[in-house]
Protein backbone atom coordinates (compact mmCIF):
# COMPACT_ATOMS: atom_id res chain seq x y z
CA MET A 1 -15.71 -23.34 1.31
CA LYS A 2 -12.70 -24.22 -0.80
CA PRO A 3 -9.52 -24.65 1.27
CA ILE A 4 -6.57 -22.47 0.26
CA ARG A 5 -3.27 -24.17 -0.35
CA LYS A 6 -0.48 -22.62 1.65
CA LEU A 7 1.76 -20.84 -0.85
CA SER A 8 5.51 -21.22 -0.62
CA GLY A 9 7.04 -17.88 0.30
CA CYS A 10 3.86 -15.93 -0.47
CA VAL A 11 3.62 -14.02 2.81
CA THR A 12 6.60 -11.68 2.70
CA LEU A 13 6.64 -8.32 4.42
CA LEU A 14 7.71 -5.54 2.04
CA SER A 15 10.16 -3.31 3.84
CA CYS A 16 9.53 -0.08 1.95
CA LEU A 17 6.21 1.65 2.57
CA PHE A 18 5.27 5.20 1.55
CA TYR A 19 2.72 7.17 3.59
CA PRO A 20 1.85 10.70 2.38
CA LEU A 21 1.28 12.42 5.72
CA ALA A 22 1.07 16.02 6.82
CA ALA A 23 4.29 18.02 7.13
CA ALA A 24 5.74 18.53 10.58
CA ALA A 25 7.41 21.74 11.76
CA GLN A 26 10.93 20.46 12.16
CA THR A 27 14.26 20.56 10.39
CA LEU A 28 14.40 18.30 7.34
CA PRO A 29 17.48 16.43 6.10
CA ASN A 30 17.55 18.25 2.75
CA GLY A 31 20.88 18.65 1.01
CA ASN A 32 23.57 17.01 -1.08
CA TYR A 33 25.18 13.90 0.41
CA ASP A 34 28.47 12.49 -0.90
CA THR A 35 27.94 8.74 -0.44
CA THR A 36 30.05 5.60 -0.74
CA ASP A 37 28.08 3.62 -3.33
CA PHE A 38 25.65 6.07 -4.93
CA GLY A 39 27.86 9.12 -5.46
CA VAL A 40 26.32 12.50 -4.70
CA ILE A 41 22.62 12.19 -3.70
CA ASN A 42 20.39 15.25 -3.57
CA ILE A 43 17.76 14.77 -0.84
CA GLU A 44 14.57 16.85 -0.88
CA CYS A 45 11.75 16.30 1.66
CA ILE A 46 8.15 17.45 1.36
CA SER A 47 7.47 16.53 5.00
CA SER A 48 9.18 14.90 7.96
CA GLU A 49 7.75 11.57 6.76
CA MET A 50 8.46 11.69 3.03
CA CYS A 51 11.70 12.39 1.17
CA PHE A 52 12.91 11.99 -2.38
CA GLY A 53 16.46 11.62 -3.68
CA THR A 54 18.14 11.94 -7.07
CA TYR A 55 21.63 10.93 -8.14
CA GLU A 56 23.66 10.12 -11.27
CA ASN A 57 22.76 13.46 -12.89
CA ARG A 58 19.12 13.11 -11.80
CA GLN A 59 18.71 9.90 -13.79
CA SER A 60 18.39 7.65 -10.69
CA TYR A 61 16.04 7.98 -7.71
CA LEU A 62 15.42 7.24 -4.04
CA TYR A 63 11.91 7.10 -2.53
CA LEU A 64 12.03 7.34 1.27
CA ASN A 65 9.39 7.23 3.99
CA SER A 66 9.54 7.50 7.78
CA ARG A 67 6.67 5.70 9.50
CA ASP A 68 7.43 7.01 12.99
CA ASN A 69 8.20 10.68 12.27
CA SER A 70 11.88 10.14 13.01
CA GLN A 71 15.10 10.37 11.01
CA ASN A 72 14.87 6.65 10.16
CA PHE A 73 13.64 6.04 6.61
CA THR A 74 12.91 3.00 4.47
CA GLY A 75 12.29 2.93 0.75
CA TYR A 76 13.49 2.07 -2.74
CA TRP A 77 16.35 2.98 -5.01
CA VAL A 78 15.75 2.72 -8.77
CA GLU A 79 18.04 3.16 -11.77
CA SER A 80 17.65 2.69 -15.52
CA GLU A 81 19.90 -0.39 -15.52
CA SER A 82 21.85 -2.57 -13.12
CA SER A 83 24.56 -5.23 -13.15
CA LYS A 84 22.04 -7.39 -11.28
CA PRO A 85 18.65 -6.82 -12.92
CA CYS A 86 15.54 -7.96 -11.05
CA ALA A 87 13.15 -10.60 -12.34
CA VAL A 88 10.27 -8.13 -11.96
CA THR A 89 9.97 -4.74 -13.67
CA HIS A 90 8.16 -2.05 -11.66
CA GLN A 91 6.76 1.33 -12.63
CA PHE A 92 7.97 3.98 -10.19
CA PRO A 93 6.77 7.62 -10.26
CA ASN A 94 9.70 8.62 -12.48
CA LEU A 95 10.97 5.46 -14.12
CA GLN A 96 9.92 1.98 -15.21
CA SER A 97 12.82 -0.35 -14.55
CA ASN A 98 14.03 -3.78 -13.47
CA ALA A 99 16.98 -2.13 -11.69
CA TRP A 100 15.76 -1.44 -8.16
CA GLY A 101 16.08 -2.52 -4.53
CA ASN A 102 15.37 -1.79 -0.88
CA VAL A 103 17.18 0.84 1.14
CA ASN A 104 17.23 1.79 4.85
CA VAL A 105 18.66 5.18 5.81
CA THR A 106 19.12 7.10 9.06
CA PHE A 107 19.91 10.83 8.93
CA ASN A 108 22.06 12.43 11.62
CA LEU A 109 21.30 16.14 11.37
CA SER A 110 23.85 17.25 13.97
CA ALA A 111 26.64 15.36 12.19
CA ASN A 112 25.36 16.27 8.71
CA SER A 113 25.50 12.63 7.66
CA LEU A 114 23.48 9.62 6.65
CA SER A 115 24.08 5.93 7.24
CA GLY A 116 22.28 2.77 6.27
CA PHE A 117 22.13 -0.18 3.95
CA TRP A 118 20.89 -1.06 0.47
CA GLY A 119 20.29 -4.28 -1.46
CA TYR A 120 19.32 -5.61 -4.87
CA CYS A 121 15.70 -6.34 -5.82
CA LYS A 122 13.79 -8.01 -2.96
CA ASP A 123 16.96 -8.83 -0.98
CA HIS A 124 17.20 -7.49 2.56
CA PRO A 125 19.49 -4.41 2.53
CA ASN A 126 23.00 -5.58 3.49
CA LYS A 127 25.38 -3.27 1.61
CA THR A 128 26.71 -0.22 3.45
CA LEU A 129 25.49 3.23 2.49
CA ASP A 130 27.25 6.14 4.22
CA GLY A 131 27.36 9.79 3.27
CA THR A 132 28.22 13.32 4.41
CA ARG A 133 26.04 16.34 3.75
CA ALA A 134 27.70 19.19 1.89
CA GLN A 135 25.07 21.88 2.51
CA MET A 136 22.31 22.63 4.99
CA HIS A 137 18.60 23.17 4.34
CA THR A 138 15.71 23.82 6.68
CA ALA A 139 12.01 23.14 6.61
CA GLN A 140 11.40 26.41 4.75
CA ASP A 141 13.43 25.14 1.79
CA THR A 142 10.71 22.74 0.63
CA THR A 143 9.86 25.26 -2.11
CA SER A 144 12.82 23.79 -4.00
CA VAL A 145 11.16 20.37 -4.21
CA ASP A 146 11.27 19.19 -7.84
CA LEU A 147 8.68 17.55 -10.05
CA ALA A 148 9.52 14.07 -8.80
CA SER A 149 8.72 15.08 -5.23
CA ILE A 150 5.46 16.67 -6.34
CA ALA A 151 4.61 13.42 -8.13
CA GLN A 152 5.19 11.54 -4.89
CA PHE A 153 2.92 13.99 -3.03
CA LEU A 154 0.12 13.26 -5.51
CA VAL A 155 0.07 9.54 -4.71
CA GLY A 156 -3.26 8.69 -3.06
CA SER A 157 -7.00 9.18 -3.59
CA TRP A 158 -8.45 12.66 -4.10
CA LEU A 159 -12.08 13.86 -3.97
CA PRO A 160 -13.30 17.27 -5.16
CA SER A 161 -13.59 19.85 -2.39
CA PRO A 162 -17.16 20.95 -1.52
CA ASP A 163 -16.78 24.21 -3.48
CA SER A 164 -15.23 22.53 -6.51
CA SER A 165 -17.04 22.46 -9.85
CA ALA A 166 -15.87 18.88 -10.48
CA ARG A 167 -18.29 15.97 -10.02
CA ARG A 168 -18.43 15.37 -6.27
CA ASN A 169 -18.42 11.57 -6.44
CA ASP A 170 -15.46 11.24 -8.81
CA SER A 171 -12.43 10.02 -6.88
CA TYR A 172 -9.04 10.28 -8.60
CA THR A 173 -6.42 7.84 -7.36
CA PHE A 174 -2.78 8.18 -8.40
CA ASN A 175 -0.85 5.04 -7.55
CA PRO A 176 2.92 4.86 -6.91
CA ASP A 177 3.38 2.52 -9.89
CA GLY A 178 2.38 5.34 -12.26
CA THR A 179 -1.21 4.20 -12.82
CA PHE A 180 -4.46 6.01 -12.11
CA VAL A 181 -8.11 5.06 -11.66
CA ILE A 182 -11.23 7.24 -11.57
CA SER A 183 -14.11 5.86 -9.50
CA ASP A 184 -17.58 7.27 -8.91
CA GLY A 185 -17.99 5.06 -5.84
CA SER A 186 -19.70 2.18 -7.58
CA SER A 187 -17.89 1.75 -10.90
CA ASN A 188 -14.23 2.07 -11.79
CA SER A 189 -12.54 3.35 -14.93
CA PRO A 190 -9.96 1.19 -16.74
CA ILE A 191 -6.46 1.53 -15.32
CA GLY A 192 -4.47 4.25 -17.12
CA ASN A 193 -1.01 5.77 -16.79
CA TRP A 194 -0.23 9.19 -15.33
CA THR A 195 2.87 11.37 -15.24
CA LEU A 196 3.96 14.98 -14.87
CA ASN A 197 5.45 16.70 -17.90
CA SER A 198 8.40 19.10 -17.72
CA ALA A 199 6.01 22.00 -17.08
CA GLY A 200 4.59 20.30 -13.98
CA GLN A 201 1.28 19.47 -15.68
CA MET A 202 -0.64 16.25 -15.17
CA VAL A 203 -0.85 13.96 -18.18
CA MET A 204 -3.38 11.12 -17.90
CA ASP A 205 -3.76 8.59 -20.71
CA GLY A 206 -7.10 8.81 -22.46
CA ARG A 207 -8.16 12.23 -21.14
CA VAL A 208 -9.16 14.72 -23.84
CA ASP A 209 -8.55 17.76 -21.63
CA GLU A 210 -4.98 16.93 -20.74
CA PRO A 211 -2.55 18.18 -19.68
CA LEU A 212 -3.92 19.63 -16.44
CA THR A 213 -2.15 22.24 -14.34
CA ILE A 214 -1.19 21.05 -10.84
CA GLU A 215 -0.86 23.22 -7.74
CA ILE A 216 -0.27 22.11 -4.15
CA VAL A 217 -2.43 24.11 -1.71
CA GLY A 218 -1.51 23.12 1.83
CA GLN A 219 -2.49 19.45 2.03
CA ASP A 220 -4.85 19.77 -0.96
CA ILE A 221 -4.17 19.97 -4.68
CA LYS A 222 -5.62 22.00 -7.52
CA MET A 223 -5.92 20.02 -10.73
CA GLY A 224 -7.08 21.87 -13.80
CA GLY A 225 -8.37 24.66 -11.55
CA ASP A 226 -10.51 22.36 -9.37
CA GLN A 227 -9.45 21.76 -5.77
CA TYR A 228 -9.24 18.20 -4.40
CA THR A 229 -8.69 16.89 -0.91
CA GLN A 230 -7.73 13.51 0.55
CA GLU A 231 -10.72 12.26 2.53
CA PRO A 232 -10.78 9.00 4.52
CA PHE A 233 -12.59 6.11 2.85
CA ASN A 234 -16.22 5.91 3.98
CA GLY A 235 -15.51 8.79 6.36
CA LEU A 236 -13.64 6.62 8.87
CA SER A 237 -10.42 7.33 10.73
CA TYR A 238 -7.69 4.79 9.93
CA ASP A 239 -4.96 6.07 12.24
CA GLY A 240 -4.94 3.68 15.20
CA GLN A 241 -4.67 0.11 16.38
CA SER A 242 -7.55 -0.94 18.62
CA VAL A 243 -9.61 -3.92 19.77
CA LEU A 244 -13.06 -3.17 21.14
CA GLY A 245 -14.86 -5.72 23.27
CA ASP A 246 -14.69 -9.50 23.38
CA VAL A 247 -13.92 -10.52 19.81
CA GLN A 248 -12.94 -13.69 17.93
CA THR A 249 -10.58 -12.90 15.06
CA GLU A 250 -8.33 -15.78 14.07
CA GLY A 251 -9.17 -17.24 10.68
CA VAL A 252 -8.84 -17.22 6.90
CA PHE A 253 -11.64 -15.37 5.13
CA GLN A 254 -12.21 -15.70 1.41
CA PRO A 255 -14.73 -14.68 -1.25
CA LYS A 256 -17.34 -17.11 -2.49
CA TRP A 257 -15.82 -19.91 -4.55
CA PRO A 258 -16.29 -20.50 -7.41
CA SER A 259 -16.53 -16.74 -7.89
CA ASP A 260 -19.96 -15.40 -8.75
CA GLY A 261 -18.51 -12.24 -10.28
CA THR A 262 -18.67 -10.17 -7.08
CA THR A 263 -15.08 -10.85 -5.97
CA PRO A 264 -12.89 -7.71 -6.18
CA MET A 265 -10.81 -7.78 -9.38
CA VAL A 266 -7.99 -5.29 -10.02
CA GLY A 267 -6.98 -5.86 -13.61
CA ASN A 268 -6.05 -9.56 -13.71
CA TYR A 269 -5.62 -9.74 -9.93
CA GLU A 270 -8.40 -11.22 -7.81
CA LEU A 271 -8.83 -10.99 -4.05
CA SER A 272 -7.85 -14.43 -2.74
CA PHE A 273 -8.14 -14.15 1.03
CA ILE A 274 -7.79 -12.05 4.16
CA VAL A 275 -6.04 -13.59 7.15
CA LEU A 276 -6.78 -12.34 10.66
CA GLY A 277 -4.43 -13.34 13.47
CA PRO A 278 -5.35 -14.16 17.07
CA VAL A 279 -6.89 -11.32 19.02
CA ASP A 280 -3.71 -10.67 21.03
CA SER A 281 -1.85 -9.87 17.80
CA PHE A 282 -4.20 -6.88 17.42
CA ARG A 283 -3.19 -5.51 20.82
CA PRO A 284 0.13 -3.60 20.65
CA SER A 285 0.58 -4.01 24.42
CA THR A 286 0.54 -7.82 24.24
CA ALA A 287 1.54 -8.59 20.63
CA ASP A 288 5.02 -9.75 19.74
CA ALA A 289 6.89 -7.03 17.85
CA SER A 290 7.03 -9.20 14.74
CA SER A 291 3.37 -10.26 14.80
CA LYS A 292 1.16 -8.97 12.01
CA PRO A 293 -2.57 -9.21 12.76
CA ILE A 294 -3.86 -8.80 9.17
CA TYR A 295 -2.67 -10.00 5.77
CA VAL A 296 -4.49 -9.45 2.44
CA GLU A 297 -3.51 -11.18 -0.79
CA PHE A 298 -4.45 -10.84 -4.46
CA TRP A 299 -3.56 -13.48 -7.08
CA ASN A 300 -2.95 -12.99 -10.79
CA THR A 301 -5.64 -15.17 -12.33
CA THR A 302 -3.69 -15.51 -15.59
CA GLU A 303 -0.59 -16.99 -13.94
CA THR A 304 0.30 -20.60 -14.70
CA THR A 305 1.00 -22.12 -11.29
CA THR A 306 3.47 -24.86 -10.38
CA THR A 307 3.70 -27.29 -7.46
CA ASP A 308 6.53 -27.91 -5.02
CA VAL A 309 7.93 -31.28 -3.93
CA ASP A 310 5.10 -31.66 -1.41
CA GLY A 311 2.47 -31.08 -4.07
CA ARG A 312 1.61 -27.60 -2.78
CA GLU A 313 0.60 -24.93 -5.25
CA VAL A 314 3.25 -22.25 -5.83
CA ARG A 315 2.33 -18.76 -7.02
CA LYS A 316 4.85 -16.03 -7.74
CA ASP A 317 2.71 -13.22 -9.13
CA ILE A 318 0.87 -12.00 -6.05
CA MET A 319 0.16 -8.68 -4.37
CA GLY A 320 0.18 -8.73 -0.57
CA PHE A 321 -0.70 -6.09 2.03
CA TRP A 322 0.14 -5.96 5.75
CA PRO A 323 -2.33 -3.35 7.10
CA THR A 324 -0.84 -1.19 9.83
CA GLU A 325 -3.93 0.71 11.06
CA TYR A 326 -7.05 -1.13 12.16
CA GLU A 327 -10.04 -1.34 14.48
CA VAL A 328 -11.83 -4.60 15.25
CA SER A 329 -14.90 -5.23 17.38
CA PRO A 330 -17.44 -8.07 17.75
CA ASP A 331 -19.46 -6.60 14.88
CA SER A 332 -17.06 -4.50 12.77
CA LEU A 333 -13.66 -4.55 11.11
CA SER A 334 -11.80 -1.71 9.40
CA PHE A 335 -8.18 -1.40 8.31
CA HIS A 336 -5.71 0.47 6.11
CA GLY A 337 -2.58 -0.87 4.43
CA TYR A 338 -0.11 0.22 1.77
CA HIS A 339 1.79 -1.44 -1.06
CA PRO A 340 4.78 0.28 -2.72
CA GLN A 341 3.37 -0.31 -6.20
CA TRP A 342 -0.41 -0.42 -5.71
CA GLY A 343 -0.66 2.20 -2.99
CA ASP A 344 -3.50 2.19 -0.44
CA ILE A 345 -6.00 -0.46 0.58
CA TYR A 346 -8.94 0.43 2.83
CA PHE A 347 -11.59 -1.93 4.18
CA ASP A 348 -14.73 -1.02 6.14
CA ALA A 349 -16.94 -3.99 7.01
CA ARG A 350 -19.46 -5.61 9.31
CA PHE A 351 -17.84 -8.56 11.10
CA ASP A 352 -19.88 -11.28 12.80
CA SER A 353 -16.95 -12.39 14.96
CA THR A 354 -19.09 -14.44 17.36
CA ARG A 355 -19.62 -17.02 14.58
CA VAL A 356 -15.95 -17.54 13.63
CA GLN A 357 -15.17 -20.64 15.70
CA THR A 358 -18.52 -22.43 15.25
CA GLN A 359 -18.51 -21.73 11.52
CA TYR A 360 -14.95 -23.05 11.21
CA ASN A 361 -15.81 -26.27 13.08
CA TYR A 362 -18.83 -26.77 10.86
CA GLU A 363 -17.06 -26.10 7.55
CA ARG A 364 -13.81 -27.91 8.42
CA GLY A 365 -15.76 -30.93 9.61
CA GLY A 366 -17.57 -31.32 6.31
CA GLY A 367 -20.62 -29.11 6.56
CA ASP A 368 -23.87 -30.92 7.28
CA SER A 369 -21.96 -34.19 7.79
CA SER A 370 -19.57 -32.64 10.33
CA GLY A 371 -21.41 -33.87 13.41
CA PHE A 372 -21.84 -30.28 14.48
CA GLY A 373 -25.27 -28.75 14.24
CA LYS A 374 -25.62 -26.29 11.38
CA PRO A 375 -24.90 -22.86 12.88
CA ALA A 376 -27.40 -20.06 12.57
CA LYS A 377 -26.70 -17.96 9.46
CA ALA A 378 -24.25 -20.63 8.26
CA ASP A 379 -24.81 -19.66 4.63
CA GLU A 380 -24.20 -15.96 5.25
CA PRO A 381 -20.79 -14.22 5.08
CA LEU A 382 -18.91 -13.48 8.29
CA ILE A 383 -17.41 -10.30 6.84
CA TYR A 384 -19.37 -7.96 4.58
CA GLY A 385 -18.25 -4.49 3.58
CA ASP A 386 -16.56 -2.02 1.24
CA MET A 387 -13.00 -2.01 -0.10
CA LEU A 388 -10.81 0.55 -1.84
CA VAL A 389 -7.64 -0.86 -3.40
CA ARG A 390 -5.39 0.63 -6.08
CA GLY A 391 -8.07 3.25 -6.63
CA HIS A 392 -10.83 0.71 -7.26
CA ILE A 393 -13.90 0.87 -5.02
CA PHE A 394 -15.81 -2.36 -4.41
CA ARG A 395 -19.09 -2.39 -2.50
CA ASP A 396 -20.65 -5.30 -0.59
CA VAL A 397 -17.56 -7.53 -0.53
CA ALA A 398 -18.63 -10.82 1.11
CA LEU A 399 -16.09 -13.10 2.84
CA PHE A 400 -16.65 -16.60 4.23
CA ILE A 401 -14.56 -18.88 6.47
CA GLY A 402 -11.72 -20.81 4.80
CA TRP A 403 -8.49 -22.50 5.85
CA PHE A 404 -4.97 -23.37 4.69
CA GLU A 405 -4.23 -27.01 3.87
């Protein structure tokens, strides 16, 4: 297999992740907060894990998520313009802009306050954000959630409910960058743009029957009168972190190269590799707090690359995922991750982990000239399965052993 050049700065953990989870029965930090740097921010939460903020006369936005069901939130701020514009323009649910950055916020309900930090673009948040709440809301006040919060609730993949008249196999995915994809499970529509109009109706580019009425029904939605539900990809549960049995994991796994046309392509972005860490990194009880057992990266195939002083290839236009839920065993691998622009990635695969080390020795040593005997099934993939990413479904994704130079 082709070795992968180690990319300068390509593996960077994004600090703002959004997970649309079920609402919890607890007091939410809704209200108006008079803050130091952002002015008055109106916070509205649709669950204990997901909140939305508006400020500057509802022309600027905060997107906040709590991964541990606490009052600690991470997310983005975005405005129409900034004194320090970012090099990259992103499409957020309400605004396309190059004026954005990371934010970390902790709500103190008893003190009616918030505290945290914010930063520009990809910088780590280091500027103080403090505020005091002027009015109190409770969990029952989520009926006041505005269109922007509804838009955030819609992010994810939706399948028609069993009693719906819509085509059962058609999955609608609404991504946080304002794009959508319709997939029937084997083919994917071109990427389009979606938004909610002032009447709360769904507008999807290229649809003749738009706009569609939207209604939230518990954890489901009604779109154009048809009810849709969020079902797990391939019917699996992606809500834990587990290692089953004696498994070999550590390695770089990549599609066939040169590509034979079966490599997952999302627009101009092609799956480059999946990195699995050592088996202990998969075990929360033994892993270092900063260890990340899985990393997935897509490269923009149209980007003109450069090299650094050591002759290493440098790519800037990449999309990386750090999956946070996973299960690995000697013969299977599944995981779920999230990207703040692309949304969800799911992977459900067979994994022949017992071949990892022998296959690596054979390939790294030069194949048939390595001095190692050719392993059984040496020409077959070690990982073979299905992937959902940015609403695109890819079947029979085959990955082989690779390595970083």
